[in-house]
Amino acid sequence: MERELENLEKALAEHASAQIQHERAREALELARATALLSGTITGKNAEEREAQARTSLAEQYEAVRTAQEALVWARVRLELARERLSVAKIKQGAQAPLEVV
């Protein structure tokens, strides 16, 4: 069960790191969008045009957010797997423990 605990700790750390990276990528995109709007790089007449311009002119930032989101999803999967493996290990350990007669 010690290995499962170590794996859970590692998965928790990876998940936290993925969350931080995702948040940083989102913040960078928001800043780039605001800068582009203020500088006149994004000038569409309506929200749809502005969104289209943003997606083309800030493609790198959008890709960074998408990549970070994907990494976060996989980190969540690994975290859930680690939790489930720990639960199974606890059950197995409990099943192997001798019954206590009172």
PDB file of N, CA and C in Angstrom:
ATOM      1  N   MET A   1       0.829  -1.196   0.000  1.00  0.00           N
ATOM      2  CA  MET A   1       0.000   0.000   0.000  1.00  0.00           C
ATOM      3  C   MET A   1       0.873   1.261   0.000  1.00  0.00           C
ATOM      4  N   GLU A   2       2.118   1.110   0.429  1.00  0.00           N
ATOM      5  CA  GLU A   2       3.011   2.265   0.449  1.00  0.00           C
ATOM      6  C   GLU A   2       3.267   2.784  -0.969  1.00  0.00           C
ATOM      7  N   ARG A   3       3.395   1.867  -1.928  1.00  0.00           N
ATOM      8  CA  ARG A   3       3.604   2.272  -3.318  1.00  0.00           C
ATOM      9  C   ARG A   3       2.398   3.058  -3.830  1.00  0.00           C
ATOM     10  N   GLU A   4       1.206   2.613  -3.460  1.00  0.00           N
ATOM     11  CA  GLU A   4      -0.006   3.304  -3.903  1.00  0.00           C
ATOM     12  C   GLU A   4      -0.083   4.712  -3.321  1.00  0.00           C
ATOM     13  N   LEU A   5       0.343   4.853  -2.063  1.00  0.00           N
ATOM     14  CA  LEU A   5       0.366   6.182  -1.442  1.00  0.00           C
ATOM     15  C   LEU A   5       1.363   7.096  -2.151  1.00  0.00           C
ATOM     16  N   GLU A   6       2.516   6.553  -2.486  1.00  0.00           N
ATOM     17  CA  GLU A   6       3.520   7.346  -3.207  1.00  0.00           C
ATOM     18  C   GLU A   6       2.990   7.755  -4.580  1.00  0.00           C
ATOM     19  N   ASN A   7       2.318   6.832  -5.258  1.00  0.00           N
ATOM     20  CA  ASN A   7       1.743   7.143  -6.563  1.00  0.00           C
ATOM     21  C   ASN A   7       0.657   8.215  -6.451  1.00  0.00           C
ATOM     22  N   LEU A   8      -0.112   8.150  -5.370  1.00  0.00           N
ATOM     23  CA  LEU A   8      -1.148   9.160  -5.155  1.00  0.00           C
ATOM     24  C   LEU A   8      -0.511  10.533  -4.923  1.00  0.00           C
ATOM     25  N   GLU A   9       0.539  10.576  -4.117  1.00  0.00           N
ATOM     26  CA  GLU A   9       1.239  11.841  -3.878  1.00  0.00           C
ATOM     27  C   GLU A   9       1.768  12.419  -5.186  1.00  0.00           C
ATOM     28  N   LYS A  10       2.359  11.570  -6.008  1.00  0.00           N
ATOM     29  CA  LYS A  10       2.901  12.007  -7.292  1.00  0.00           C
ATOM     30  C   LYS A  10       1.776  12.522  -8.188  1.00  0.00           C
ATOM     31  N   ALA A  11       0.657  11.808  -8.230  1.00  0.00           N
ATOM     32  CA  ALA A  11      -0.473  12.217  -9.062  1.00  0.00           C
ATOM     33  C   ALA A  11      -1.057  13.539  -8.576  1.00  0.00           C
ATOM     34  N   LEU A  12      -1.115  13.732  -7.271  1.00  0.00           N
ATOM     35  CA  LEU A  12      -1.604  15.001  -6.729  1.00  0.00           C
ATOM     36  C   LEU A  12      -0.695  16.161  -7.140  1.00  0.00           C
ATOM     37  N   ALA A  13       0.609  15.941  -7.065  1.00  0.00           N
ATOM     38  CA  ALA A  13       1.563  16.984  -7.449  1.00  0.00           C
ATOM     39  C   ALA A  13       1.464  17.290  -8.940  1.00  0.00           C
ATOM     40  N   GLU A  14       1.330  16.249  -9.758  1.00  0.00           N
ATOM     41  CA  GLU A  14       1.187  16.455 -11.201  1.00  0.00           C
ATOM     42  C   GLU A  14      -0.102  17.203 -11.524  1.00  0.00           C
ATOM     43  N   HIS A  15      -1.156  16.874 -10.812  1.00  0.00           N
ATOM     44  CA  HIS A  15      -2.436  17.543 -11.038  1.00  0.00           C
ATOM     45  C   HIS A  15      -2.338  19.020 -10.661  1.00  0.00           C
ATOM     46  N   ALA A  16      -1.728  19.301  -9.533  1.00  0.00           N
ATOM     47  CA  ALA A  16      -1.562  20.696  -9.109  1.00  0.00           C
ATOM     48  C   ALA A  16      -0.730  21.465 -10.128  1.00  0.00           C
ATOM     49  N   SER A  17       0.334  20.860 -10.612  1.00  0.00           N
ATOM     50  CA  SER A  17       1.178  21.506 -11.609  1.00  0.00           C
ATOM     51  C   SER A  17       0.406  21.759 -12.900  1.00  0.00           C
ATOM     52  N   ALA A  18      -0.389  20.796 -13.324  1.00  0.00           N
ATOM     53  CA  ALA A  18      -1.185  20.958 -14.546  1.00  0.00           C
ATOM     54  C   ALA A  18      -2.221  22.068 -14.380  1.00  0.00           C
ATOM     55  N   GLN A  19      -2.814  22.158 -13.188  1.00  0.00           N
ATOM     56  CA  GLN A  19      -3.776  23.235 -12.934  1.00  0.00           C
ATOM     57  C   GLN A  19      -3.100  24.601 -13.014  1.00  0.00           C
ATOM     58  N   ILE A  20      -1.925  24.691 -12.436  1.00  0.00           N
ATOM     59  CA  ILE A  20      -1.181  25.954 -12.458  1.00  0.00           C
ATOM     60  C   ILE A  20      -0.823  26.333 -13.893  1.00  0.00           C
ATOM     61  N   GLN A  21      -0.327  25.370 -14.664  1.00  0.00           N
ATOM     62  CA  GLN A  21       0.036  25.645 -16.058  1.00  0.00           C
ATOM     63  C   GLN A  21      -1.184  26.071 -16.877  1.00  0.00           C
ATOM     64  N   HIS A  22      -2.309  25.419 -16.635  1.00  0.00           N
ATOM     65  CA  HIS A  22      -3.534  25.783 -17.348  1.00  0.00           C
ATOM     66  C   HIS A  22      -3.956  27.208 -17.004  1.00  0.00           C
ATOM     67  N   GLU A  23      -3.921  27.536 -15.741  1.00  0.00           N
ATOM     68  CA  GLU A  23      -4.310  28.879 -15.310  1.00  0.00           C
ATOM     69  C   GLU A  23      -3.367  29.934 -15.890  1.00  0.00           C
ATOM     70  N   ARG A  24      -2.071  29.633 -15.912  1.00  0.00           N
ATOM     71  CA  ARG A  24      -1.100  30.577 -16.485  1.00  0.00           C
ATOM     72  C   ARG A  24      -1.346  30.777 -17.983  1.00  0.00           C
ATOM     73  N   ALA A  25      -1.645  29.695 -18.683  1.00  0.00           N
ATOM     74  CA  ALA A  25      -1.918  29.797 -20.121  1.00  0.00           C
ATOM     75  C   ALA A  25      -3.175  30.627 -20.367  1.00  0.00           C
ATOM     76  N   ARG A  26      -4.203  30.418 -19.551  1.00  0.00           N
ATOM     77  CA  ARG A  26      -5.438  31.205 -19.687  1.00  0.00           C
ATOM     78  C   ARG A  26      -5.172  32.680 -19.411  1.00  0.00           C
ATOM     79  N   GLU A  27      -4.392  32.955 -18.364  1.00  0.00           N
ATOM     80  CA  GLU A  27      -4.070  34.341 -18.033  1.00  0.00           C
ATOM     81  C   GLU A  27      -3.266  34.997 -19.155  1.00  0.00           C
ATOM     82  N   ALA A  28      -2.331  34.264 -19.739  1.00  0.00           N
ATOM     83  CA  ALA A  28      -1.530  34.802 -20.838  1.00  0.00           C
ATOM     84  C   ALA A  28      -2.421  35.104 -22.047  1.00  0.00           C
ATOM     85  N   LEU A  29      -3.370  34.224 -22.320  1.00  0.00           N
ATOM     86  CA  LEU A  29      -4.306  34.455 -23.431  1.00  0.00           C
ATOM     87  C   LEU A  29      -5.160  35.688 -23.159  1.00  0.00           C
ATOM     88  N   GLU A  30      -5.681  35.799 -21.947  1.00  0.00           N
ATOM     89  CA  GLU A  30      -6.508  36.963 -21.602  1.00  0.00           C
ATOM     90  C   GLU A  30      -5.721  38.261 -21.746  1.00  0.00           C
ATOM     91  N   LEU A  31      -4.479  38.252 -21.305  1.00  0.00           N
ATOM     92  CA  LEU A  31      -3.637  39.439 -21.416  1.00  0.00           C
ATOM     93  C   LEU A  31      -3.353  39.762 -22.884  1.00  0.00           C
ATOM     94  N   ALA A  32      -3.040  38.744 -23.673  1.00  0.00           N
ATOM     95  CA  ALA A  32      -2.778  38.958 -25.097  1.00  0.00           C
ATOM     96  C   ALA A  32      -4.017  39.490 -25.811  1.00  0.00           C
ATOM     97  N   ARG A  33      -5.181  38.948 -25.437  1.00  0.00           N
ATOM     98  CA  ARG A  33      -6.444  39.425 -26.036  1.00  0.00           C
ATOM     99  C   ARG A  33      -6.711  40.882 -25.689  1.00  0.00           C
ATOM    100  N   ALA A  34      -6.546  41.210 -24.417  1.00  0.00           N
ATOM    101  CA  ALA A  34      -6.771  42.591 -23.982  1.00  0.00           C
ATOM    102  C   ALA A  34      -5.801  43.537 -24.669  1.00  0.00           C
ATOM    103  N   THR A  35      -4.549  43.132 -24.774  1.00  0.00           N
ATOM    104  CA  THR A  35      -3.541  43.953 -25.440  1.00  0.00           C
ATOM    105  C   THR A  35      -3.893  44.151 -26.915  1.00  0.00           C
ATOM    106  N   ALA A  36      -4.326  43.069 -27.560  1.00  0.00           N
ATOM    107  CA  ALA A  36      -4.701  43.151 -28.980  1.00  0.00           C
ATOM    108  C   ALA A  36      -5.917  44.051 -29.179  1.00  0.00           C
ATOM    109  N   LEU A  37      -6.867  43.980 -28.274  1.00  0.00           N
ATOM    110  CA  LEU A  37      -8.041  44.855 -28.370  1.00  0.00           C
ATOM    111  C   LEU A  37      -7.654  46.317 -28.198  1.00  0.00           C
ATOM    112  N   LEU A  38      -6.838  46.588 -27.188  1.00  0.00           N
ATOM    113  CA  LEU A  38      -6.433  47.963 -26.911  1.00  0.00           C
ATOM    114  C   LEU A  38      -5.540  48.538 -28.009  1.00  0.00           C
ATOM    115  N   SER A  39      -4.737  47.693 -28.625  1.00  0.00           N
ATOM    116  CA  SER A  39      -3.820  48.177 -29.657  1.00  0.00           C
ATOM    117  C   SER A  39      -4.491  48.293 -31.025  1.00  0.00           C
ATOM    118  N   GLY A  40      -5.702  47.765 -31.138  1.00  0.00           N
ATOM    119  CA  GLY A  40      -6.407  47.839 -32.404  1.00  0.00           C
ATOM    120  C   GLY A  40      -6.137  46.666 -33.332  1.00  0.00           C
ATOM    121  N   THR A  41      -5.416  45.663 -32.854  1.00  0.00           N
ATOM    122  CA  THR A  41      -5.156  44.473 -33.666  1.00  0.00           C
ATOM    123  C   THR A  41      -6.442  43.708 -33.913  1.00  0.00           C
ATOM    124  N   ILE A  42      -7.301  43.688 -32.914  1.00  0.00           N
ATOM    125  CA  ILE A  42      -8.616  43.057 -33.035  1.00  0.00           C
ATOM    126  C   ILE A  42      -9.635  44.188 -33.150  1.00  0.00           C
ATOM    127  N   THR A  43     -10.305  44.257 -34.322  1.00  0.00           N
ATOM    128  CA  THR A  43     -11.181  45.399 -34.574  1.00  0.00           C
ATOM    129  C   THR A  43     -12.533  45.006 -35.153  1.00  0.00           C
ATOM    130  N   GLY A  44     -12.944  43.777 -35.010  1.00  0.00           N
ATOM    131  CA  GLY A  44     -14.207  43.340 -35.602  1.00  0.00           C
ATOM    132  C   GLY A  44     -15.391  44.183 -35.178  1.00  0.00           C
ATOM    133  N   LYS A  45     -16.407  44.221 -36.040  1.00  0.00           N
ATOM    134  CA  LYS A  45     -17.611  45.015 -35.774  1.00  0.00           C
ATOM    135  C   LYS A  45     -18.516  44.376 -34.738  1.00  0.00           C
ATOM    136  N   ASN A  46     -18.431  43.057 -34.610  1.00  0.00           N
ATOM    137  CA  ASN A  46     -19.269  42.364 -33.623  1.00  0.00           C
ATOM    138  C   ASN A  46     -18.439  41.292 -32.918  1.00  0.00           C
ATOM    139  N   ALA A  47     -19.042  40.653 -31.944  1.00  0.00           N
ATOM    140  CA  ALA A  47     -18.319  39.676 -31.118  1.00  0.00           C
ATOM    141  C   ALA A  47     -17.776  38.518 -31.950  1.00  0.00           C
ATOM    142  N   GLU A  48     -18.552  38.060 -32.954  1.00  0.00           N
ATOM    143  CA  GLU A  48     -18.116  36.940 -33.779  1.00  0.00           C
ATOM    144  C   GLU A  48     -16.868  37.288 -34.584  1.00  0.00           C
ATOM    145  N   GLU A  49     -16.847  38.489 -35.156  1.00  0.00           N
ATOM    146  CA  GLU A  49     -15.683  38.926 -35.922  1.00  0.00           C
ATOM    147  C   GLU A  49     -14.460  39.084 -35.024  1.00  0.00           C
ATOM    148  N   ARG A  50     -14.668  39.679 -33.855  1.00  0.00           N
ATOM    149  CA  ARG A  50     -13.555  39.865 -32.920  1.00  0.00           C
ATOM    150  C   ARG A  50     -13.010  38.519 -32.467  1.00  0.00           C
ATOM    151  N   GLU A  51     -13.906  37.565 -32.223  1.00  0.00           N
ATOM    152  CA  GLU A  51     -13.474  36.222 -31.807  1.00  0.00           C
ATOM    153  C   GLU A  51     -12.665  35.549 -32.916  1.00  0.00           C
ATOM    154  N   ALA A  52     -13.130  35.674 -34.142  1.00  0.00           N
ATOM    155  CA  ALA A  52     -12.413  35.089 -35.279  1.00  0.00           C
ATOM    156  C   ALA A  52     -11.031  35.723 -35.434  1.00  0.00           C
ATOM    157  N   GLN A  53     -10.966  37.029 -35.312  1.00  0.00           N
ATOM    158  CA  GLN A  53      -9.672  37.715 -35.409  1.00  0.00           C
ATOM    159  C   GLN A  53      -8.749  37.295 -34.277  1.00  0.00           C
ATOM    160  N   ALA A  54      -9.303  37.188 -33.084  1.00  0.00           N
ATOM    161  CA  ALA A  54      -8.496  36.782 -31.931  1.00  0.00           C
ATOM    162  C   ALA A  54      -7.945  35.373 -32.137  1.00  0.00           C
ATOM    163  N   ARG A  55      -8.770  34.471 -32.609  1.00  0.00           N
ATOM    164  CA  ARG A  55      -8.332  33.084 -32.801  1.00  0.00           C
ATOM    165  C   ARG A  55      -7.244  32.969 -33.861  1.00  0.00           C
ATOM    166  N   THR A  56      -7.283  33.815 -34.859  1.00  0.00           N
ATOM    167  CA  THR A  56      -6.241  33.753 -35.883  1.00  0.00           C
ATOM    168  C   THR A  56      -4.980  34.500 -35.455  1.00  0.00           C
ATOM    169  N   SER A  57      -5.144  35.665 -34.869  1.00  0.00           N
ATOM    170  CA  SER A  57      -3.957  36.445 -34.493  1.00  0.00           C
ATOM    171  C   SER A  57      -3.302  35.945 -33.209  1.00  0.00           C
ATOM    172  N   LEU A  58      -4.049  35.246 -32.377  1.00  0.00           N
ATOM    173  CA  LEU A  58      -3.505  34.726 -31.117  1.00  0.00           C
ATOM    174  C   LEU A  58      -3.513  33.192 -31.104  1.00  0.00           C
ATOM    175  N   ALA A  59      -3.321  32.606 -32.262  1.00  0.00           N
ATOM    176  CA  ALA A  59      -3.402  31.143 -32.392  1.00  0.00           C
ATOM    177  C   ALA A  59      -2.440  30.433 -31.443  1.00  0.00           C
ATOM    178  N   GLU A  60      -1.257  30.979 -31.263  1.00  0.00           N
ATOM    179  CA  GLU A  60      -0.266  30.357 -30.384  1.00  0.00           C
ATOM    180  C   GLU A  60      -0.767  30.302 -28.935  1.00  0.00           C
ATOM    181  N   GLN A  61      -1.354  31.381 -28.476  1.00  0.00           N
ATOM    182  CA  GLN A  61      -1.867  31.424 -27.105  1.00  0.00           C
ATOM    183  C   GLN A  61      -3.067  30.491 -26.932  1.00  0.00           C
ATOM    184  N   TYR A  62      -3.939  30.440 -27.937  1.00  0.00           N
ATOM    185  CA  TYR A  62      -5.074  29.520 -27.874  1.00  0.00           C
ATOM    186  C   TYR A  62      -4.585  28.070 -27.838  1.00  0.00           C
ATOM    187  N   GLU A  63      -3.560  27.772 -28.611  1.00  0.00           N
ATOM    188  CA  GLU A  63      -2.996  26.425 -28.629  1.00  0.00           C
ATOM    189  C   GLU A  63      -2.378  26.078 -27.275  1.00  0.00           C
ATOM    190  N   ALA A  64      -1.725  27.046 -26.654  1.00  0.00           N
ATOM    191  CA  ALA A  64      -1.130  26.809 -25.330  1.00  0.00           C
ATOM    192  C   ALA A  64      -2.213  26.480 -24.305  1.00  0.00           C
ATOM    193  N   VAL A  65      -3.341  27.180 -24.379  1.00  0.00           N
ATOM    194  CA  VAL A  65      -4.454  26.902 -23.464  1.00  0.00           C
ATOM    195  C   VAL A  65      -5.015  25.508 -23.729  1.00  0.00           C
ATOM    196  N   ARG A  66      -5.186  25.164 -25.011  1.00  0.00           N
ATOM    197  CA  ARG A  66      -5.722  23.849 -25.360  1.00  0.00           C
ATOM    198  C   ARG A  66      -4.781  22.740 -24.885  1.00  0.00           C
ATOM    199  N   THR A  67      -3.494  22.921 -25.084  1.00  0.00           N
ATOM    200  CA  THR A  67      -2.509  21.933 -24.650  1.00  0.00           C
ATOM    201  C   THR A  67      -2.509  21.792 -23.130  1.00  0.00           C
ATOM    202  N   ALA A  68      -2.584  22.913 -22.433  1.00  0.00           N
ATOM    203  CA  ALA A  68      -2.612  22.878 -20.970  1.00  0.00           C
ATOM    204  C   ALA A  68      -3.894  22.218 -20.466  1.00  0.00           C
ATOM    205  N   GLN A  69      -5.007  22.471 -21.135  1.00  0.00           N
ATOM    206  CA  GLN A  69      -6.284  21.847 -20.767  1.00  0.00           C
ATOM    207  C   GLN A  69      -6.203  20.337 -20.949  1.00  0.00           C
ATOM    208  N   GLU A  70      -5.614  19.919 -22.034  1.00  0.00           N
ATOM    209  CA  GLU A  70      -5.457  18.493 -22.297  1.00  0.00           C
ATOM    210  C   GLU A  70      -4.573  17.838 -21.231  1.00  0.00           C
ATOM    211  N   ALA A  71      -3.482  18.491 -20.877  1.00  0.00           N
ATOM    212  CA  ALA A  71      -2.596  17.979 -19.835  1.00  0.00           C
ATOM    213  C   ALA A  71      -3.327  17.878 -18.498  1.00  0.00           C
ATOM    214  N   LEU A  72      -4.175  18.852 -18.217  1.00  0.00           N
ATOM    215  CA  LEU A  72      -4.958  18.833 -16.981  1.00  0.00           C
ATOM    216  C   LEU A  72      -5.937  17.665 -16.968  1.00  0.00           C
ATOM    217  N   VAL A  73      -6.572  17.406 -18.089  1.00  0.00           N
ATOM    218  CA  VAL A  73      -7.510  16.271 -18.173  1.00  0.00           C
ATOM    219  C   VAL A  73      -6.771  14.964 -17.882  1.00  0.00           C
ATOM    220  N   TRP A  74      -5.607  14.782 -18.506  1.00  0.00           N
ATOM    221  CA  TRP A  74      -4.851  13.541 -18.276  1.00  0.00           C
ATOM    222  C   TRP A  74      -4.334  13.460 -16.839  1.00  0.00           C
ATOM    223  N   ALA A  75      -3.973  14.589 -16.255  1.00  0.00           N
ATOM    224  CA  ALA A  75      -3.534  14.585 -14.851  1.00  0.00           C
ATOM    225  C   ALA A  75      -4.686  14.177 -13.939  1.00  0.00           C
ATOM    226  N   ARG A  76      -5.905  14.619 -14.259  1.00  0.00           N
ATOM    227  CA  ARG A  76      -7.081  14.212 -13.476  1.00  0.00           C
ATOM    228  C   ARG A  76      -7.312  12.709 -13.587  1.00  0.00           C
ATOM    229  N   VAL A  77      -7.136  12.176 -14.792  1.00  0.00           N
ATOM    230  CA  VAL A  77      -7.300  10.732 -15.002  1.00  0.00           C
ATOM    231  C   VAL A  77      -6.286   9.971 -14.148  1.00  0.00           C
ATOM    232  N   ARG A  78      -5.021  10.393 -14.195  1.00  0.00           N
ATOM    233  CA  ARG A  78      -3.994   9.709 -13.397  1.00  0.00           C
ATOM    234  C   ARG A  78      -4.280   9.823 -11.899  1.00  0.00           C
ATOM    235  N   LEU A  79      -4.796  10.969 -11.477  1.00  0.00           N
ATOM    236  CA  LEU A  79      -5.138  11.157 -10.068  1.00  0.00           C
ATOM    237  C   LEU A  79      -6.262  10.214  -9.660  1.00  0.00           C
ATOM    238  N   GLU A  80      -7.288  10.124 -10.471  1.00  0.00           N
ATOM    239  CA  GLU A  80      -8.407   9.218 -10.158  1.00  0.00           C
ATOM    240  C   GLU A  80      -7.950   7.763 -10.136  1.00  0.00           C
ATOM    241  N   LEU A  81      -7.093   7.398 -11.074  1.00  0.00           N
ATOM    242  CA  LEU A  81      -6.563   6.031 -11.083  1.00  0.00           C
ATOM    243  C   LEU A  81      -5.764   5.745  -9.817  1.00  0.00           C
ATOM    244  N   ALA A  82      -4.942   6.694  -9.411  1.00  0.00           N
ATOM    245  CA  ALA A  82      -4.148   6.519  -8.197  1.00  0.00           C
ATOM    246  C   ALA A  82      -5.055   6.374  -6.981  1.00  0.00           C
ATOM    247  N   ARG A  83      -6.122   7.162  -6.925  1.00  0.00           N
ATOM    248  CA  ARG A  83      -7.069   7.052  -5.801  1.00  0.00           C
ATOM    249  C   ARG A  83      -7.752   5.692  -5.794  1.00  0.00           C
ATOM    250  N   GLU A  84      -8.162   5.237  -6.961  1.00  0.00           N
ATOM    251  CA  GLU A  84      -8.831   3.934  -7.046  1.00  0.00           C
ATOM    252  C   GLU A  84      -7.883   2.797  -6.680  1.00  0.00           C
ATOM    253  N   ARG A  85      -6.645   2.891  -7.133  1.00  0.00           N
ATOM    254  CA  ARG A  85      -5.661   1.843  -6.790  1.00  0.00           C
ATOM    255  C   ARG A  85      -5.385   1.810  -5.293  1.00  0.00           C
ATOM    256  N   LEU A  86      -5.360   2.956  -4.661  1.00  0.00           N
ATOM    257  CA  LEU A  86      -5.187   3.001  -3.212  1.00  0.00           C
ATOM    258  C   LEU A  86      -6.387   2.371  -2.520  1.00  0.00           C
ATOM    259  N   SER A  87      -7.576   2.661  -3.000  1.00  0.00           N
ATOM    260  CA  SER A  87      -8.786   2.067  -2.420  1.00  0.00           C
ATOM    261  C   SER A  87      -8.761   0.553  -2.543  1.00  0.00           C
ATOM    262  N   VAL A  88      -8.369   0.058  -3.691  1.00  0.00           N
ATOM    263  CA  VAL A  88      -8.285  -1.395  -3.895  1.00  0.00           C
ATOM    264  C   VAL A  88      -7.240  -1.995  -2.965  1.00  0.00           C
ATOM    265  N   ALA A  89      -6.103  -1.332  -2.820  1.00  0.00           N
ATOM    266  CA  ALA A  89      -5.054  -1.828  -1.933  1.00  0.00           C
ATOM    267  C   ALA A  89      -5.538  -1.878  -0.488  1.00  0.00           C
ATOM    268  N   LYS A  90      -6.297  -0.865  -0.079  1.00  0.00           N
ATOM    269  CA  LYS A  90      -6.845  -0.857   1.284  1.00  0.00           C
ATOM    270  C   LYS A  90      -7.813  -2.020   1.484  1.00  0.00           C
ATOM    271  N   ILE A  91      -8.647  -2.254   0.483  1.00  0.00           N
ATOM    272  CA  ILE A  91      -9.614  -3.358   0.571  1.00  0.00           C
ATOM    273  C   ILE A  91      -8.879  -4.686   0.650  1.00  0.00           C
ATOM    274  N   LYS A  92      -7.867  -4.857  -0.203  1.00  0.00           N
ATOM    275  CA  LYS A  92      -7.091  -6.103  -0.196  1.00  0.00           C
ATOM    276  C   LYS A  92      -6.391  -6.302   1.135  1.00  0.00           C
ATOM    277  N   GLN A  93      -5.846  -5.244   1.666  1.00  0.00           N
ATOM    278  CA  GLN A  93      -5.150  -5.334   2.949  1.00  0.00           C
ATOM    279  C   GLN A  93      -6.135  -5.698   4.047  1.00  0.00           C
ATOM    280  N   GLY A  94      -7.313  -5.105   4.005  1.00  0.00           N
ATOM    281  CA  GLY A  94      -8.339  -5.419   4.999  1.00  0.00           C
ATOM    282  C   GLY A  94      -8.825  -6.845   4.878  1.00  0.00           C
ATOM    283  N   ALA A  95      -8.906  -7.365   3.655  1.00  0.00           N
ATOM    284  CA  ALA A  95      -9.357  -8.738   3.439  1.00  0.00           C
ATOM    285  C   ALA A  95      -8.324  -9.723   3.911  1.00  0.00           C
ATOM    286  N   GLN A  96      -7.055  -9.336   3.926  1.00  0.00           N
ATOM    287  CA  GLN A  96      -6.006 -10.242   4.344  1.00  0.00           C
ATOM    288  C   GLN A  96      -5.758 -10.194   5.844  1.00  0.00           C
ATOM    289  N   ALA A  97      -6.274  -9.167   6.481  1.00  0.00           N
ATOM    290  CA  ALA A  97      -6.096  -9.044   7.928  1.00  0.00           C
ATOM    291  C   ALA A  97      -6.898 -10.124   8.653  1.00  0.00           C
ATOM    292  N   PRO A  98      -6.329 -10.694   9.676  1.00  0.00           N
ATOM    293  CA  PRO A  98      -7.081 -11.722  10.414  1.00  0.00           C
ATOM    294  C   PRO A  98      -8.310 -11.125  11.101  1.00  0.00           C
ATOM    295  N   LEU A  99      -9.344 -11.922  11.163  1.00  0.00           N
ATOM    296  CA  LEU A  99     -10.576 -11.475  11.828  1.00  0.00           C
ATOM    297  C   LEU A  99     -10.341 -11.426  13.326  1.00  0.00           C
ATOM    298  N   GLU A 100     -10.872 -10.412  13.918  1.00  0.00           N
ATOM    299  CA  GLU A 100     -10.742 -10.244  15.365  1.00  0.00           C
ATOM    300  C   GLU A 100     -11.981 -10.822  16.032  1.00  0.00           C
ATOM    301  N   VAL A 101     -11.761 -11.717  16.968  1.00  0.00           N
ATOM    302  CA  VAL A 101     -12.892 -12.322  17.672  1.00  0.00           C
ATOM    303  C   VAL A 101     -13.049 -11.586  18.990  1.00  0.00           C
ATOM    304  N   VAL A 102     -14.259 -11.102  19.217  1.00  0.00           N
ATOM    305  CA  VAL A 102     -14.525 -10.334  20.440  1.00  0.00           C
ATOM    306  C   VAL A 102     -15.276 -11.179  21.422  1.00  0.00           C
TER     307      VAL A 102
END
